[in-house]
Structures are given as C-alpha cells and as structure tokens.
Amino acid sequence: MQARLYIDEDAMDDDLVQALRVRCADVQTALEAGLVGRPDEEHLAHAAEAGRVLYIFNVGDFMHLHGKYETAGRAHAGIIFGDQQRFSVGEQMQRLLRILSLRSAEQMRDGYEFLSAWQ
C-alpha cells in the first residue's frame, strides 16, 4: 500500500501540493486539517492517527519527537525530512514521489527518511 502524506504548515506549498496530487499522491495539508499554528506534537499526532507520513522541514524538533515516540512505544506512520532552502518545488516533488514509489506505508512506519538521500 502506498504511503499517504501529511504536509505541515512550513512545508505546504500550493504548487508542491498540486503537483503531487496531479500525479495521484494522496496529500493532506495542515491547512486542510485545521492545524495551522498548532504545536509540533499535534502535527505528528494527527499524522499518526490519520496513518499519514509527515513531510516537514523541522529536523531538530521532529527527531526529538520521533525519539519520544520510540521511547514511549507509540507508533507513527513515518517522517520525511526536507530542506527548505535546498530543493525547488519540482525537486521536492520528484524526490517525494520517488520515496512513495519505493517505500510502502508499512516500510515507512515508525521510521524516517531524508529527502536529500533520494535522487
């Protein structure tokens, strides 16, 4: 089963979301979920409850949250860490689609990937 994405407010770019959807990716944004301005913990909790892989730019805070989930034995659907300054919208789209095509939802569960590792 292909992973579904949840894009937090820092990473949600209308052009990126539209480009992913045109290519049949299942994407939900923080805006659509009513979570704009909410704490990081709520974004990860929402993504986990919805069974969606979280795409974010905030590596430090979410690596910490990932560790807290591991320690507590809590599950999440996975995290993809992007780099806001490094990749164009087109490059983000291509790399995200590559991850989604090569990693199933099950393979993403409770893990993380760095967008920079996918070409």
PDB file of N, CA and C in Angstrom:
ATOM      1  N   MET A   1       0.838  -1.179   0.000  1.00  0.00           N
ATOM      2  CA  MET A   1       0.000   0.000   0.000  1.00  0.00           C
ATOM      3  C   MET A   1       0.886   1.246   0.000  1.00  0.00           C
ATOM      4  N   GLN A   2       0.560   2.186  -0.883  1.00  0.00           N
ATOM      5  CA  GLN A   2       1.364   3.405  -0.973  1.00  0.00           C
ATOM      6  C   GLN A   2       1.093   4.315   0.224  1.00  0.00           C
ATOM      7  N   ALA A   3       2.148   4.907   0.738  1.00  0.00           N
ATOM      8  CA  ALA A   3       2.039   5.834   1.859  1.00  0.00           C
ATOM      9  C   ALA A   3       1.270   7.084   1.429  1.00  0.00           C
ATOM     10  N   ARG A   4       0.544   7.630   2.381  1.00  0.00           N
ATOM     11  CA  ARG A   4      -0.175   8.884   2.176  1.00  0.00           C
ATOM     12  C   ARG A   4       0.570   9.967   2.947  1.00  0.00           C
ATOM     13  N   LEU A   5       0.573  11.191   2.419  1.00  0.00           N
ATOM     14  CA  LEU A   5       1.345  12.283   3.018  1.00  0.00           C
ATOM     15  C   LEU A   5       0.488  13.259   3.809  1.00  0.00           C
ATOM     16  N   TYR A   6       1.095  13.792   4.840  1.00  0.00           N
ATOM     17  CA  TYR A   6       0.570  14.943   5.571  1.00  0.00           C
ATOM     18  C   TYR A   6       1.686  15.973   5.546  1.00  0.00           C
ATOM     19  N   ILE A   7       1.414  17.154   5.028  1.00  0.00           N
ATOM     20  CA  ILE A   7       2.430  18.198   4.896  1.00  0.00           C
ATOM     21  C   ILE A   7       2.159  19.287   5.908  1.00  0.00           C
ATOM     22  N   ASP A   8       3.123  19.524   6.781  1.00  0.00           N
ATOM     23  CA  ASP A   8       2.925  20.531   7.827  1.00  0.00           C
ATOM     24  C   ASP A   8       2.986  21.931   7.228  1.00  0.00           C
ATOM     25  N   GLU A   9       2.676  22.923   8.049  1.00  0.00           N
ATOM     26  CA  GLU A   9       2.497  24.271   7.522  1.00  0.00           C
ATOM     27  C   GLU A   9       3.768  24.895   6.947  1.00  0.00           C
ATOM     28  N   ASP A  10       4.932  24.542   7.447  1.00  0.00           N
ATOM     29  CA  ASP A  10       6.169  25.105   6.900  1.00  0.00           C
ATOM     30  C   ASP A  10       6.484  24.549   5.520  1.00  0.00           C
ATOM     31  N   ALA A  11       6.125  23.301   5.286  1.00  0.00           N
ATOM     32  CA  ALA A  11       6.444  22.642   4.018  1.00  0.00           C
ATOM     33  C   ALA A  11       5.318  22.735   2.998  1.00  0.00           C
ATOM     34  N   MET A  12       4.127  23.154   3.430  1.00  0.00           N
ATOM     35  CA  MET A  12       2.995  23.146   2.494  1.00  0.00           C
ATOM     36  C   MET A  12       3.106  24.332   1.537  1.00  0.00           C
ATOM     37  N   ASP A  13       3.374  24.000   0.328  1.00  0.00           N
ATOM     38  CA  ASP A  13       3.461  24.950  -0.769  1.00  0.00           C
ATOM     39  C   ASP A  13       2.370  24.548  -1.760  1.00  0.00           C
ATOM     40  N   ASP A  14       1.531  25.498  -2.149  1.00  0.00           N
ATOM     41  CA  ASP A  14       0.407  25.173  -3.035  1.00  0.00           C
ATOM     42  C   ASP A  14       0.864  24.477  -4.315  1.00  0.00           C
ATOM     43  N   ASP A  15       1.975  24.944  -4.883  1.00  0.00           N
ATOM     44  CA  ASP A  15       2.470  24.336  -6.125  1.00  0.00           C
ATOM     45  C   ASP A  15       2.919  22.900  -5.890  1.00  0.00           C
ATOM     46  N   LEU A  16       3.573  22.648  -4.773  1.00  0.00           N
ATOM     47  CA  LEU A  16       4.013  21.290  -4.447  1.00  0.00           C
ATOM     48  C   LEU A  16       2.812  20.376  -4.233  1.00  0.00           C
ATOM     49  N   VAL A  17       1.854  20.830  -3.454  1.00  0.00           N
ATOM     50  CA  VAL A  17       0.670  20.020  -3.172  1.00  0.00           C
ATOM     51  C   VAL A  17      -0.069  19.689  -4.468  1.00  0.00           C
ATOM     52  N   GLN A  18      -0.264  20.692  -5.321  1.00  0.00           N
ATOM     53  CA  GLN A  18      -0.961  20.467  -6.580  1.00  0.00           C
ATOM     54  C   GLN A  18      -0.182  19.501  -7.479  1.00  0.00           C
ATOM     55  N   ALA A  19       1.132  19.688  -7.560  1.00  0.00           N
ATOM     56  CA  ALA A  19       1.961  18.809  -8.400  1.00  0.00           C
ATOM     57  C   ALA A  19       1.890  17.365  -7.918  1.00  0.00           C
ATOM     58  N   LEU A  20       1.900  17.156  -6.622  1.00  0.00           N
ATOM     59  CA  LEU A  20       1.796  15.800  -6.076  1.00  0.00           C
ATOM     60  C   LEU A  20       0.425  15.203  -6.369  1.00  0.00           C
ATOM     61  N   ARG A  21      -0.610  15.998  -6.207  1.00  0.00           N
ATOM     62  CA  ARG A  21      -1.974  15.494  -6.445  1.00  0.00           C
ATOM     63  C   ARG A  21      -2.217  15.166  -7.909  1.00  0.00           C
ATOM     64  N   VAL A  22      -1.675  15.985  -8.806  1.00  0.00           N
ATOM     65  CA  VAL A  22      -1.813  15.709 -10.240  1.00  0.00           C
ATOM     66  C   VAL A  22      -1.197  14.359 -10.570  1.00  0.00           C
ATOM     67  N   ARG A  23      -0.188  13.986  -9.808  1.00  0.00           N
ATOM     68  CA  ARG A  23       0.489  12.703 -10.015  1.00  0.00           C
ATOM     69  C   ARG A  23      -0.063  11.609  -9.104  1.00  0.00           C
ATOM     70  N   CYS A  24      -1.275  11.822  -8.624  1.00  0.00           N
ATOM     71  CA  CYS A  24      -2.054  10.834  -7.865  1.00  0.00           C
ATOM     72  C   CYS A  24      -1.532  10.538  -6.459  1.00  0.00           C
ATOM     73  N   ALA A  25      -0.745  11.418  -5.880  1.00  0.00           N
ATOM     74  CA  ALA A  25      -0.329  11.234  -4.491  1.00  0.00           C
ATOM     75  C   ALA A  25      -1.474  11.680  -3.582  1.00  0.00           C
ATOM     76  N   ASP A  26      -1.689  10.946  -2.522  1.00  0.00           N
ATOM     77  CA  ASP A  26      -2.712  11.273  -1.529  1.00  0.00           C
ATOM     78  C   ASP A  26      -2.061  12.218  -0.516  1.00  0.00           C
ATOM     79  N   VAL A  27      -2.462  13.480  -0.556  1.00  0.00           N
ATOM     80  CA  VAL A  27      -1.830  14.524   0.247  1.00  0.00           C
ATOM     81  C   VAL A  27      -2.873  15.270   1.067  1.00  0.00           C
ATOM     82  N   GLN A  28      -2.555  15.492   2.331  1.00  0.00           N
ATOM     83  CA  GLN A  28      -3.347  16.367   3.181  1.00  0.00           C
ATOM     84  C   GLN A  28      -2.404  17.423   3.739  1.00  0.00           C
ATOM     85  N   THR A  29      -2.880  18.663   3.847  1.00  0.00           N
ATOM     86  CA  THR A  29      -2.061  19.743   4.387  1.00  0.00           C
ATOM     87  C   THR A  29      -2.521  20.121   5.789  1.00  0.00           C
ATOM     88  N   ALA A  30      -1.661  20.823   6.490  1.00  0.00           N
ATOM     89  CA  ALA A  30      -2.008  21.332   7.820  1.00  0.00           C
ATOM     90  C   ALA A  30      -3.216  22.259   7.734  1.00  0.00           C
ATOM     91  N   LEU A  31      -3.310  23.023   6.665  1.00  0.00           N
ATOM     92  CA  LEU A  31      -4.445  23.925   6.478  1.00  0.00           C
ATOM     93  C   LEU A  31      -5.741  23.121   6.381  1.00  0.00           C
ATOM     94  N   GLU A  32      -5.732  22.073   5.571  1.00  0.00           N
ATOM     95  CA  GLU A  32      -6.923  21.235   5.411  1.00  0.00           C
ATOM     96  C   GLU A  32      -7.303  20.526   6.710  1.00  0.00           C
ATOM     97  N   ALA A  33      -6.307  20.198   7.519  1.00  0.00           N
ATOM     98  CA  ALA A  33      -6.544  19.504   8.789  1.00  0.00           C
ATOM     99  C   ALA A  33      -6.904  20.472   9.914  1.00  0.00           C
ATOM    100  N   GLY A  34      -6.846  21.783   9.637  1.00  0.00           N
ATOM    101  CA  GLY A  34      -7.147  22.783  10.658  1.00  0.00           C
ATOM    102  C   GLY A  34      -6.080  22.882  11.732  1.00  0.00           C
ATOM    103  N   LEU A  35      -4.827  22.614  11.351  1.00  0.00           N
ATOM    104  CA  LEU A  35      -3.741  22.590  12.337  1.00  0.00           C
ATOM    105  C   LEU A  35      -2.701  23.696  12.154  1.00  0.00           C
ATOM    106  N   VAL A  36      -2.986  24.683  11.332  1.00  0.00           N
ATOM    107  CA  VAL A  36      -2.037  25.786  11.157  1.00  0.00           C
ATOM    108  C   VAL A  36      -1.869  26.504  12.500  1.00  0.00           C
ATOM    109  N   GLY A  37      -0.614  26.722  12.866  1.00  0.00           N
ATOM    110  CA  GLY A  37      -0.311  27.415  14.112  1.00  0.00           C
ATOM    111  C   GLY A  37      -0.312  26.525  15.349  1.00  0.00           C
ATOM    112  N   ARG A  38      -0.562  25.238  15.176  1.00  0.00           N
ATOM    113  CA  ARG A  38      -0.595  24.308  16.304  1.00  0.00           C
ATOM    114  C   ARG A  38       0.820  23.798  16.601  1.00  0.00           C
ATOM    115  N   PRO A  39       1.046  23.298  17.810  1.00  0.00           N
ATOM    116  CA  PRO A  39       2.375  22.790  18.193  1.00  0.00           C
ATOM    117  C   PRO A  39       2.790  21.565  17.368  1.00  0.00           C
ATOM    118  N   ASP A  40       4.103  21.371  17.290  1.00  0.00           N
ATOM    119  CA  ASP A  40       4.666  20.240  16.544  1.00  0.00           C
ATOM    120  C   ASP A  40       4.058  18.908  16.971  1.00  0.00           C
ATOM    121  N   GLU A  41       3.864  18.731  18.273  1.00  0.00           N
ATOM    122  CA  GLU A  41       3.320  17.480  18.794  1.00  0.00           C
ATOM    123  C   GLU A  41       1.960  17.157  18.163  1.00  0.00           C
ATOM    124  N   GLU A  42       1.163  18.186  17.938  1.00  0.00           N
ATOM    125  CA  GLU A  42      -0.166  17.968  17.359  1.00  0.00           C
ATOM    126  C   GLU A  42      -0.074  17.542  15.896  1.00  0.00           C
ATOM    127  N   HIS A  43       0.917  18.074  15.182  1.00  0.00           N
ATOM    128  CA  HIS A  43       1.095  17.675  13.781  1.00  0.00           C
ATOM    129  C   HIS A  43       1.479  16.194  13.691  1.00  0.00           C
ATOM    130  N   LEU A  44       2.427  15.768  14.511  1.00  0.00           N
ATOM    131  CA  LEU A  44       2.835  14.367  14.475  1.00  0.00           C
ATOM    132  C   LEU A  44       1.701  13.461  14.962  1.00  0.00           C
ATOM    133  N   ALA A  45       0.996  13.875  15.996  1.00  0.00           N
ATOM    134  CA  ALA A  45      -0.121  13.078  16.495  1.00  0.00           C
ATOM    135  C   ALA A  45      -1.214  12.938  15.433  1.00  0.00           C
ATOM    136  N   HIS A  46      -1.522  14.035  14.742  1.00  0.00           N
ATOM    137  CA  HIS A  46      -2.535  13.977  13.694  1.00  0.00           C
ATOM    138  C   HIS A  46      -2.095  13.027  12.577  1.00  0.00           C
ATOM    139  N   ALA A  47      -0.849  13.185  12.124  1.00  0.00           N
ATOM    140  CA  ALA A  47      -0.341  12.327  11.051  1.00  0.00           C
ATOM    141  C   ALA A  47      -0.383  10.866  11.484  1.00  0.00           C
ATOM    142  N   ALA A  48      -0.002  10.591  12.721  1.00  0.00           N
ATOM    143  CA  ALA A  48      -0.014   9.215  13.228  1.00  0.00           C
ATOM    144  C   ALA A  48      -1.437   8.652  13.257  1.00  0.00           C
ATOM    145  N   GLU A  49      -2.366   9.425  13.770  1.00  0.00           N
ATOM    146  CA  GLU A  49      -3.761   8.971  13.857  1.00  0.00           C
ATOM    147  C   GLU A  49      -4.374   8.766  12.476  1.00  0.00           C
ATOM    148  N   ALA A  50      -3.984   9.619  11.524  1.00  0.00           N
ATOM    149  CA  ALA A  50      -4.526   9.534  10.171  1.00  0.00           C
ATOM    150  C   ALA A  50      -3.781   8.516   9.309  1.00  0.00           C
ATOM    151  N   GLY A  51      -2.689   7.959   9.823  1.00  0.00           N
ATOM    152  CA  GLY A  51      -1.902   6.995   9.057  1.00  0.00           C
ATOM    153  C   GLY A  51      -1.180   7.651   7.886  1.00  0.00           C
ATOM    154  N   ARG A  52      -0.726   8.888   8.098  1.00  0.00           N
ATOM    155  CA  ARG A  52      -0.059   9.648   7.039  1.00  0.00           C
ATOM    156  C   ARG A  52       1.394   9.929   7.402  1.00  0.00           C
ATOM    157  N   VAL A  53       2.263   9.810   6.417  1.00  0.00           N
ATOM    158  CA  VAL A  53       3.671  10.139   6.588  1.00  0.00           C
ATOM    159  C   VAL A  53       3.795  11.658   6.626  1.00  0.00           C
ATOM    160  N   LEU A  54       4.466  12.158   7.624  1.00  0.00           N
ATOM    161  CA  LEU A  54       4.630  13.598   7.825  1.00  0.00           C
ATOM    162  C   LEU A  54       5.809  14.112   7.008  1.00  0.00           C
ATOM    163  N   TYR A  55       5.576  15.132   6.181  1.00  0.00           N
ATOM    164  CA  TYR A  55       6.662  15.798   5.443  1.00  0.00           C
ATOM    165  C   TYR A  55       6.882  17.151   6.077  1.00  0.00           C
ATOM    166  N   ILE A  56       8.109  17.376   6.550  1.00  0.00           N
ATOM    167  CA  ILE A  56       8.436  18.591   7.291  1.00  0.00           C
ATOM    168  C   ILE A  56       9.848  19.062   6.980  1.00  0.00           C
ATOM    169  N   PHE A  57      10.137  20.301   7.393  1.00  0.00           N
ATOM    170  CA  PHE A  57      11.484  20.863   7.287  1.00  0.00           C
ATOM    171  C   PHE A  57      12.194  20.894   8.641  1.00  0.00           C
ATOM    172  N   ASN A  58      11.475  20.786   9.727  1.00  0.00           N
ATOM    173  CA  ASN A  58      11.993  20.986  11.076  1.00  0.00           C
ATOM    174  C   ASN A  58      12.635  19.699  11.619  1.00  0.00           C
ATOM    175  N   VAL A  59      13.878  19.470  11.235  1.00  0.00           N
ATOM    176  CA  VAL A  59      14.553  18.222  11.596  1.00  0.00           C
ATOM    177  C   VAL A  59      14.758  18.095  13.103  1.00  0.00           C
ATOM    178  N   GLY A  60      15.314  19.111  13.730  1.00  0.00           N
ATOM    179  CA  GLY A  60      15.663  19.025  15.153  1.00  0.00           C
ATOM    180  C   GLY A  60      14.493  18.671  16.049  1.00  0.00           C
ATOM    181  N   ASP A  61      13.418  19.428  15.944  1.00  0.00           N
ATOM    182  CA  ASP A  61      12.269  19.202  16.818  1.00  0.00           C
ATOM    183  C   ASP A  61      11.598  17.864  16.549  1.00  0.00           C
ATOM    184  N   PHE A  62      11.495  17.493  15.277  1.00  0.00           N
ATOM    185  CA  PHE A  62      10.792  16.253  14.965  1.00  0.00           C
ATOM    186  C   PHE A  62      11.655  15.012  15.178  1.00  0.00           C
ATOM    187  N   MET A  63      12.965  15.130  15.108  1.00  0.00           N
ATOM    188  CA  MET A  63      13.816  13.999  15.511  1.00  0.00           C
ATOM    189  C   MET A  63      13.636  13.750  17.003  1.00  0.00           C
ATOM    190  N   HIS A  64      13.524  14.837  17.764  1.00  0.00           N
ATOM    191  CA  HIS A  64      13.279  14.719  19.202  1.00  0.00           C
ATOM    192  C   HIS A  64      11.929  14.037  19.448  1.00  0.00           C
ATOM    193  N   LEU A  65      10.894  14.484  18.729  1.00  0.00           N
ATOM    194  CA  LEU A  65       9.571  13.873  18.879  1.00  0.00           C
ATOM    195  C   LEU A  65       9.580  12.396  18.453  1.00  0.00           C
ATOM    196  N   HIS A  66      10.306  12.090  17.380  1.00  0.00           N
ATOM    197  CA  HIS A  66      10.438  10.701  16.936  1.00  0.00           C
ATOM    198  C   HIS A  66      11.032   9.859  18.073  1.00  0.00           C
ATOM    199  N   GLY A  67      12.067  10.374  18.709  1.00  0.00           N
ATOM    200  CA  GLY A  67      12.688   9.678  19.836  1.00  0.00           C
ATOM    201  C   GLY A  67      11.726   9.483  20.996  1.00  0.00           C
ATOM    202  N   LYS A  68      10.915  10.496  21.280  1.00  0.00           N
ATOM    203  CA  LYS A  68       9.921  10.378  22.347  1.00  0.00           C
ATOM    204  C   LYS A  68       8.892   9.300  22.012  1.00  0.00           C
ATOM    205  N   TYR A  69       8.476   9.248  20.764  1.00  0.00           N
ATOM    206  CA  TYR A  69       7.520   8.209  20.343  1.00  0.00           C
ATOM    207  C   TYR A  69       8.148   6.828  20.511  1.00  0.00           C
ATOM    208  N   GLU A  70       9.395   6.677  20.085  1.00  0.00           N
ATOM    209  CA  GLU A  70      10.077   5.387  20.226  1.00  0.00           C
ATOM    210  C   GLU A  70      10.156   4.951  21.683  1.00  0.00           C
ATOM    211  N   THR A  71      10.591   5.876  22.531  1.00  0.00           N
ATOM    212  CA  THR A  71      10.753   5.582  23.952  1.00  0.00           C
ATOM    213  C   THR A  71       9.430   5.180  24.596  1.00  0.00           C
ATOM    214  N   ALA A  72       8.362   5.854  24.187  1.00  0.00           N
ATOM    215  CA  ALA A  72       7.043   5.587  24.764  1.00  0.00           C
ATOM    216  C   ALA A  72       6.334   4.402  24.105  1.00  0.00           C
ATOM    217  N   GLY A  73       6.940   3.830  23.061  1.00  0.00           N
ATOM    218  CA  GLY A  73       6.306   2.722  22.358  1.00  0.00           C
ATOM    219  C   GLY A  73       5.111   3.155  21.517  1.00  0.00           C
ATOM    220  N   ARG A  74       5.097   4.429  21.155  1.00  0.00           N
ATOM    221  CA  ARG A  74       3.998   4.958  20.323  1.00  0.00           C
ATOM    222  C   ARG A  74       4.380   4.820  18.850  1.00  0.00           C
ATOM    223  N   ALA A  75       3.392   4.588  18.031  1.00  0.00           N
ATOM    224  CA  ALA A  75       3.622   4.415  16.593  1.00  0.00           C
ATOM    225  C   ALA A  75       3.280   5.692  15.832  1.00  0.00           C
ATOM    226  N   HIS A  76       3.980   5.881  14.727  1.00  0.00           N
ATOM    227  CA  HIS A  76       3.613   6.923  13.766  1.00  0.00           C
ATOM    228  C   HIS A  76       3.814   6.345  12.373  1.00  0.00           C
ATOM    229  N   ALA A  77       3.286   7.024  11.385  1.00  0.00           N
ATOM    230  CA  ALA A  77       3.302   6.489  10.015  1.00  0.00           C
ATOM    231  C   ALA A  77       4.589   6.779   9.268  1.00  0.00           C
ATOM    232  N   GLY A  78       5.498   7.517   9.877  1.00  0.00           N
ATOM    233  CA  GLY A  78       6.769   7.855   9.243  1.00  0.00           C
ATOM    234  C   GLY A  78       6.936   9.356   9.095  1.00  0.00           C
ATOM    235  N   ILE A  79       8.175   9.748   8.881  1.00  0.00           N
ATOM    236  CA  ILE A  79       8.521  11.159   8.722  1.00  0.00           C
ATOM    237  C   ILE A  79       9.486  11.282   7.551  1.00  0.00           C
ATOM    238  N   ILE A  80       9.267  12.289   6.727  1.00  0.00           N
ATOM    239  CA  ILE A  80      10.221  12.648   5.679  1.00  0.00           C
ATOM    240  C   ILE A  80      10.707  14.052   5.989  1.00  0.00           C
ATOM    241  N   PHE A  81      12.022  14.174   6.146  1.00  0.00           N
ATOM    242  CA  PHE A  81      12.626  15.468   6.438  1.00  0.00           C
ATOM    243  C   PHE A  81      13.103  16.119   5.144  1.00  0.00           C
ATOM    244  N   GLY A  82      12.579  17.304   4.866  1.00  0.00           N
ATOM    245  CA  GLY A  82      13.008  18.069   3.709  1.00  0.00           C
ATOM    246  C   GLY A  82      13.977  19.157   4.120  1.00  0.00           C
ATOM    247  N   ASP A  83      14.435  19.906   3.150  1.00  0.00           N
ATOM    248  CA  ASP A  83      15.349  21.022   3.379  1.00  0.00           C
ATOM    249  C   ASP A  83      14.791  22.224   2.629  1.00  0.00           C
ATOM    250  N   GLN A  84      14.242  23.155   3.369  1.00  0.00           N
ATOM    251  CA  GLN A  84      13.527  24.295   2.809  1.00  0.00           C
ATOM    252  C   GLN A  84      14.358  25.098   1.821  1.00  0.00           C
ATOM    253  N   GLN A  85      15.609  25.254   2.068  1.00  0.00           N
ATOM    254  CA  GLN A  85      16.459  26.114   1.248  1.00  0.00           C
ATOM    255  C   GLN A  85      17.130  25.373   0.096  1.00  0.00           C
ATOM    256  N   ARG A  86      17.125  24.066   0.120  1.00  0.00           N
ATOM    257  CA  ARG A  86      17.959  23.303  -0.797  1.00  0.00           C
ATOM    258  C   ARG A  86      17.291  22.912  -2.107  1.00  0.00           C
ATOM    259  N   PHE A  87      16.008  22.542  -2.071  1.00  0.00           N
ATOM    260  CA  PHE A  87      15.365  21.982  -3.252  1.00  0.00           C
ATOM    261  C   PHE A  87      14.218  22.846  -3.757  1.00  0.00           C
ATOM    262  N   SER A  88      14.118  22.937  -5.067  1.00  0.00           N
ATOM    263  CA  SER A  88      12.985  23.616  -5.685  1.00  0.00           C
ATOM    264  C   SER A  88      11.725  22.788  -5.461  1.00  0.00           C
ATOM    265  N   VAL A  89      10.585  23.376  -5.759  1.00  0.00           N
ATOM    266  CA  VAL A  89       9.325  22.643  -5.654  1.00  0.00           C
ATOM    267  C   VAL A  89       9.368  21.397  -6.541  1.00  0.00           C
ATOM    268  N   GLY A  90       9.875  21.545  -7.755  1.00  0.00           N
ATOM    269  CA  GLY A  90       9.966  20.406  -8.667  1.00  0.00           C
ATOM    270  C   GLY A  90      10.846  19.300  -8.128  1.00  0.00           C
ATOM    271  N   GLU A  91      11.963  19.660  -7.535  1.00  0.00           N
ATOM    272  CA  GLU A  91      12.875  18.663  -6.968  1.00  0.00           C
ATOM    273  C   GLU A  91      12.247  17.981  -5.750  1.00  0.00           C
ATOM    274  N   GLN A  92      11.566  18.757  -4.907  1.00  0.00           N
ATOM    275  CA  GLN A  92      10.866  18.151  -3.765  1.00  0.00           C
ATOM    276  C   GLN A  92       9.830  17.140  -4.264  1.00  0.00           C
ATOM    277  N   MET A  93       9.059  17.541  -5.266  1.00  0.00           N
ATOM    278  CA  MET A  93       8.026  16.670  -5.812  1.00  0.00           C
ATOM    279  C   MET A  93       8.642  15.368  -6.320  1.00  0.00           C
ATOM    280  N   GLN A  94       9.691  15.468  -7.122  1.00  0.00           N
ATOM    281  CA  GLN A  94      10.317  14.281  -7.687  1.00  0.00           C
ATOM    282  C   GLN A  94      10.842  13.352  -6.603  1.00  0.00           C
ATOM    283  N   ARG A  95      11.489  13.912  -5.613  1.00  0.00           N
ATOM    284  CA  ARG A  95      12.058  13.087  -4.541  1.00  0.00           C
ATOM    285  C   ARG A  95      10.963  12.463  -3.672  1.00  0.00           C
ATOM    286  N   LEU A  96       9.917  13.229  -3.373  1.00  0.00           N
ATOM    287  CA  LEU A  96       8.805  12.675  -2.602  1.00  0.00           C
ATOM    288  C   LEU A  96       8.135  11.534  -3.364  1.00  0.00           C
ATOM    289  N   LEU A  97       7.904  11.738  -4.655  1.00  0.00           N
ATOM    290  CA  LEU A  97       7.280  10.688  -5.458  1.00  0.00           C
ATOM    291  C   LEU A  97       8.163   9.447  -5.534  1.00  0.00           C
ATOM    292  N   ARG A  98       9.462   9.646  -5.574  1.00  0.00           N
ATOM    293  CA  ARG A  98      10.386   8.506  -5.595  1.00  0.00           C
ATOM    294  C   ARG A  98      10.276   7.711  -4.290  1.00  0.00           C
ATOM    295  N   ILE A  99      10.258   8.421  -3.161  1.00  0.00           N
ATOM    296  CA  ILE A  99      10.109   7.735  -1.873  1.00  0.00           C
ATOM    297  C   ILE A  99       8.787   6.968  -1.848  1.00  0.00           C
ATOM    298  N   LEU A 100       7.708   7.629  -2.254  1.00  0.00           N
ATOM    299  CA  LEU A 100       6.392   6.986  -2.221  1.00  0.00           C
ATOM    300  C   LEU A 100       6.310   5.782  -3.149  1.00  0.00           C
ATOM    301  N   SER A 101       7.069   5.809  -4.236  1.00  0.00           N
ATOM    302  CA  SER A 101       7.026   4.675  -5.163  1.00  0.00           C
ATOM    303  C   SER A 101       7.900   3.505  -4.705  1.00  0.00           C
ATOM    304  N   LEU A 102       8.896   3.784  -3.867  1.00  0.00           N
ATOM    305  CA  LEU A 102       9.825   2.732  -3.458  1.00  0.00           C
ATOM    306  C   LEU A 102       9.692   2.289  -2.000  1.00  0.00           C
ATOM    307  N   ARG A 103       8.933   3.020  -1.210  1.00  0.00           N
ATOM    308  CA  ARG A 103       8.716   2.668   0.195  1.00  0.00           C
ATOM    309  C   ARG A 103       7.219   2.562   0.453  1.00  0.00           C
ATOM    310  N   SER A 104       6.782   1.406   0.851  1.00  0.00           N
ATOM    311  CA  SER A 104       5.362   1.223   1.160  1.00  0.00           C
ATOM    312  C   SER A 104       5.036   1.905   2.488  1.00  0.00           C
ATOM    313  N   ALA A 105       3.753   2.013   2.757  1.00  0.00           N
ATOM    314  CA  ALA A 105       3.313   2.577   4.037  1.00  0.00           C
ATOM    315  C   ALA A 105       3.899   1.761   5.193  1.00  0.00           C
ATOM    316  N   GLU A 106       3.929   0.453   5.023  1.00  0.00           N
ATOM    317  CA  GLU A 106       4.470  -0.414   6.071  1.00  0.00           C
ATOM    318  C   GLU A 106       5.965  -0.177   6.282  1.00  0.00           C
ATOM    319  N   GLN A 107       6.696   0.036   5.198  1.00  0.00           N
ATOM    320  CA  GLN A 107       8.132   0.284   5.306  1.00  0.00           C
ATOM    321  C   GLN A 107       8.438   1.646   5.931  1.00  0.00           C
ATOM    322  N   MET A 108       7.542   2.594   5.791  1.00  0.00           N
ATOM    323  CA  MET A 108       7.744   3.933   6.350  1.00  0.00           C
ATOM    324  C   MET A 108       7.390   3.982   7.837  1.00  0.00           C
ATOM    325  N   ARG A 109       6.533   3.091   8.290  1.00  0.00           N
ATOM    326  CA  ARG A 109       6.012   3.129   9.653  1.00  0.00           C
ATOM    327  C   ARG A 109       7.127   3.198  10.690  1.00  0.00           C
ATOM    328  N   ASP A 110       7.007   4.180  11.574  1.00  0.00           N
ATOM    329  CA  ASP A 110       7.913   4.399  12.714  1.00  0.00           C
ATOM    330  C   ASP A 110       9.345   4.757  12.318  1.00  0.00           C
ATOM    331  N   GLY A 111       9.562   5.058  11.049  1.00  0.00           N
ATOM    332  CA  GLY A 111      10.900   5.425  10.598  1.00  0.00           C
ATOM    333  C   GLY A 111      10.934   6.825  10.032  1.00  0.00           C
ATOM    334  N   TYR A 112      12.056   7.149   9.450  1.00  0.00           N
ATOM    335  CA  TYR A 112      12.191   8.461   8.812  1.00  0.00           C
ATOM    336  C   TYR A 112      13.144   8.365   7.637  1.00  0.00           C
ATOM    337  N   GLU A 113      12.973   9.296   6.736  1.00  0.00           N
ATOM    338  CA  GLU A 113      13.824   9.418   5.552  1.00  0.00           C
ATOM    339  C   GLU A 113      14.217  10.886   5.405  1.00  0.00           C
ATOM    340  N   PHE A 114      15.382  11.099   4.822  1.00  0.00           N
ATOM    341  CA  PHE A 114      15.815  12.449   4.478  1.00  0.00           C
ATOM    342  C   PHE A 114      15.651  12.631   2.976  1.00  0.00           C
ATOM    343  N   LEU A 115      14.940  13.668   2.580  1.00  0.00           N
ATOM    344  CA  LEU A 115      14.687  13.933   1.175  1.00  0.00           C
ATOM    345  C   LEU A 115      15.999  14.012   0.393  1.00  0.00           C
ATOM    346  N   SER A 116      17.037  14.527   1.026  1.00  0.00           N
ATOM    347  CA  SER A 116      18.340  14.690   0.365  1.00  0.00           C
ATOM    348  C   SER A 116      18.971  13.359  -0.049  1.00  0.00           C
ATOM    349  N   ALA A 117      18.544  12.267   0.559  1.00  0.00           N
ATOM    350  CA  ALA A 117      19.107  10.954   0.241  1.00  0.00           C
ATOM    351  C   ALA A 117      18.472  10.331  -1.006  1.00  0.00           C
ATOM    352  N   TRP A 118      17.427  10.950  -1.534  1.00  0.00           N
ATOM    353  CA  TRP A 118      16.676  10.400  -2.664  1.00  0.00           C
ATOM    354  C   TRP A 118      16.848  11.270  -3.881  1.00  0.00           C
ATOM    355  N   GLN A 119      17.361  10.667  -4.950  1.00  0.00           N
ATOM    356  CA  GLN A 119      17.574  11.435  -6.187  1.00  0.00           C
ATOM    357  C   GLN A 119      16.637  11.037  -7.267  1.00  0.00           C
TER     358      GLN A 119
END
